Amino acid sequence: MTKTITTRYDVAEHLRTPEEMAAYLEACLEEANGDAAFIAKALGDIARAKGMSQVARDAGLSRESLYKALSGERSPGFDTILKVIKALGLKLHAEAGLLAGSATQQNPQADARTPRG
């Protein structure tokens, strides 16, 4: 019987284009469920794909502090997140979503009764 050899999957090896990096961050934002450390880790993956030293220089941070901030073990400050996002060549954007307690959530039938036309 032959042994199966596995290697650790590293998403940073598969993030080659700015579009792939943005799509990865967008997917992580959707899955994070409010976990800032998860988002920081995703930014760390993207930073490793681009080159951590260059991202640190562009963000005005030391390489060591960037590794710590984006390790996923803690939640970095929002100012750090903004610097890193800018250094990565990415942009944040906002989109309207459903708020907890909105009319549609309080009365899910309300949307179904609204005439369309």
Protein backbone atom coordinates (compact mmCIF):
# COMPACT_ATOMS: atom_id res chain seq x y z
CA MET A 1 0.00 0.00 0.00
CA THR A 2 1.41 3.39 -0.96
CA LYS A 3 1.41 6.31 1.41
CA THR A 4 -0.49 9.42 0.49
CA ILE A 5 1.62 12.53 0.89
CA THR A 6 -0.24 15.70 1.72
CA THR A 7 0.96 19.26 1.90
CA ARG A 8 -0.49 22.17 3.79
CA TYR A 9 -2.80 24.32 1.66
CA ASP A 10 -1.72 27.97 1.51
CA VAL A 11 -4.30 30.27 -0.04
CA ALA A 12 -1.61 32.95 -0.55
CA GLU A 13 -0.10 30.78 -3.28
CA HIS A 14 -3.35 31.02 -5.24
CA LEU A 15 -4.01 34.75 -4.96
CA ARG A 16 -2.32 36.02 -8.10
CA THR A 17 -4.36 38.95 -9.37
CA PRO A 18 -5.95 41.97 -7.67
CA GLU A 19 -9.34 40.59 -8.70
CA GLU A 20 -8.66 37.26 -6.97
CA MET A 21 -7.46 39.08 -3.87
CA ALA A 22 -10.57 41.28 -3.78
CA ALA A 23 -12.87 38.28 -4.31
CA TYR A 24 -11.13 36.40 -1.49
CA LEU A 25 -11.50 39.34 0.89
CA GLU A 26 -15.15 39.78 -0.09
CA ALA A 27 -15.84 36.10 0.60
CA CYS A 28 -14.09 36.33 3.97
CA LEU A 29 -16.07 39.43 4.91
CA GLU A 30 -19.28 37.53 4.19
CA GLU A 31 -18.19 34.50 6.22
CA ALA A 32 -16.58 36.36 9.16
CA ASN A 33 -19.80 36.90 11.12
CA GLY A 34 -18.27 39.84 12.97
CA ASP A 35 -14.93 38.14 13.70
CA ALA A 36 -12.33 40.89 13.19
CA ALA A 37 -9.42 38.48 13.74
CA PHE A 38 -10.74 36.34 10.85
CA ILE A 39 -10.67 39.41 8.58
CA ALA A 40 -7.18 40.29 9.80
CA LYS A 41 -6.03 36.76 8.92
CA ALA A 42 -7.55 37.09 5.44
CA LEU A 43 -5.68 40.37 4.96
CA GLY A 44 -2.55 38.56 6.12
CA ASP A 45 -3.07 35.90 3.44
CA ILE A 46 -3.36 38.62 0.79
CA ALA A 47 -0.33 40.48 2.17
CA ARG A 48 1.76 37.29 1.98
CA ALA A 49 0.63 36.82 -1.61
CA LYS A 50 1.78 40.36 -2.48
CA GLY A 51 4.93 40.25 -0.38
CA MET A 52 4.82 41.11 3.29
CA SER A 53 7.88 43.39 3.22
CA GLN A 54 6.47 45.55 0.43
CA VAL A 55 3.03 45.74 2.05
CA ALA A 56 4.63 46.74 5.37
CA ARG A 57 6.59 49.53 3.66
CA ASP A 58 3.54 50.77 1.76
CA ALA A 59 1.43 50.72 4.94
CA GLY A 60 4.09 52.53 6.97
CA LEU A 61 4.43 49.62 9.41
CA SER A 62 7.31 47.41 10.42
CA ARG A 63 7.27 43.93 8.94
CA GLU A 64 7.13 42.41 12.43
CA SER A 65 4.16 44.50 13.54
CA LEU A 66 2.35 43.68 10.28
CA TYR A 67 2.83 39.95 10.86
CA LYS A 68 1.48 40.33 14.42
CA ALA A 69 -1.48 42.46 13.33
CA LEU A 70 -2.49 40.06 10.56
CA SER A 71 -1.81 36.77 12.35
CA GLY A 72 -5.46 36.16 13.16
CA GLU A 73 -4.59 35.81 16.84
CA ARG A 74 -5.79 39.31 17.69
CA SER A 75 -7.89 42.10 16.26
CA PRO A 76 -5.79 44.98 14.94
CA GLY A 77 -6.95 48.58 15.17
CA PHE A 78 -9.16 49.90 12.39
CA ASP A 79 -6.46 52.42 11.42
CA THR A 80 -4.09 49.50 10.78
CA ILE A 81 -6.74 47.71 8.71
CA LEU A 82 -7.26 50.83 6.60
CA LYS A 83 -3.52 51.26 6.03
CA VAL A 84 -3.14 47.62 5.00
CA ILE A 85 -6.13 47.69 2.67
CA LYS A 86 -4.72 50.78 0.96
CA ALA A 87 -1.24 49.20 0.74
CA LEU A 88 -2.80 46.11 -0.85
CA GLY A 89 -4.45 48.25 -3.52
CA LEU A 90 -7.92 47.28 -2.33
CA LYS A 91 -10.91 49.43 -1.37
CA LEU A 92 -13.65 49.03 1.19
CA HIS A 93 -17.18 49.77 0.13
CA ALA A 94 -20.53 49.80 1.87
CA GLU A 95 -23.76 48.29 0.70
CA ALA A 96 -27.23 48.56 2.20
CA GLY A 97 -28.36 45.39 3.90
CA LEU A 98 -31.20 44.26 6.08
CA LEU A 99 -31.08 45.63 9.59
CA ALA A 100 -32.13 43.52 12.54
CA GLY A 101 -35.70 44.43 13.36
CA SER A 102 -36.47 45.96 9.95
CA ALA A 103 -40.07 45.89 8.77
CA THR A 104 -39.48 42.90 6.49
CA GLN A 105 -37.83 40.89 9.26
CA GLN A 106 -40.52 41.76 11.79
CA ASN A 107 -43.24 40.80 9.34
CA PRO A 108 -41.84 38.46 6.68
CA GLN A 109 -45.27 38.33 5.01
CA ALA A 110 -45.13 42.09 4.34
CA ASP A 111 -42.89 41.67 1.31
CA ALA A 112 -45.11 38.92 -0.10
CA ARG A 113 -48.19 41.15 0.12
CA THR A 114 -46.59 44.09 -1.66
CA PRO A 115 -48.00 44.24 -5.18
CA ARG A 116 -45.41 44.16 -7.91
CA GLY A 117 -45.92 45.80 -11.18
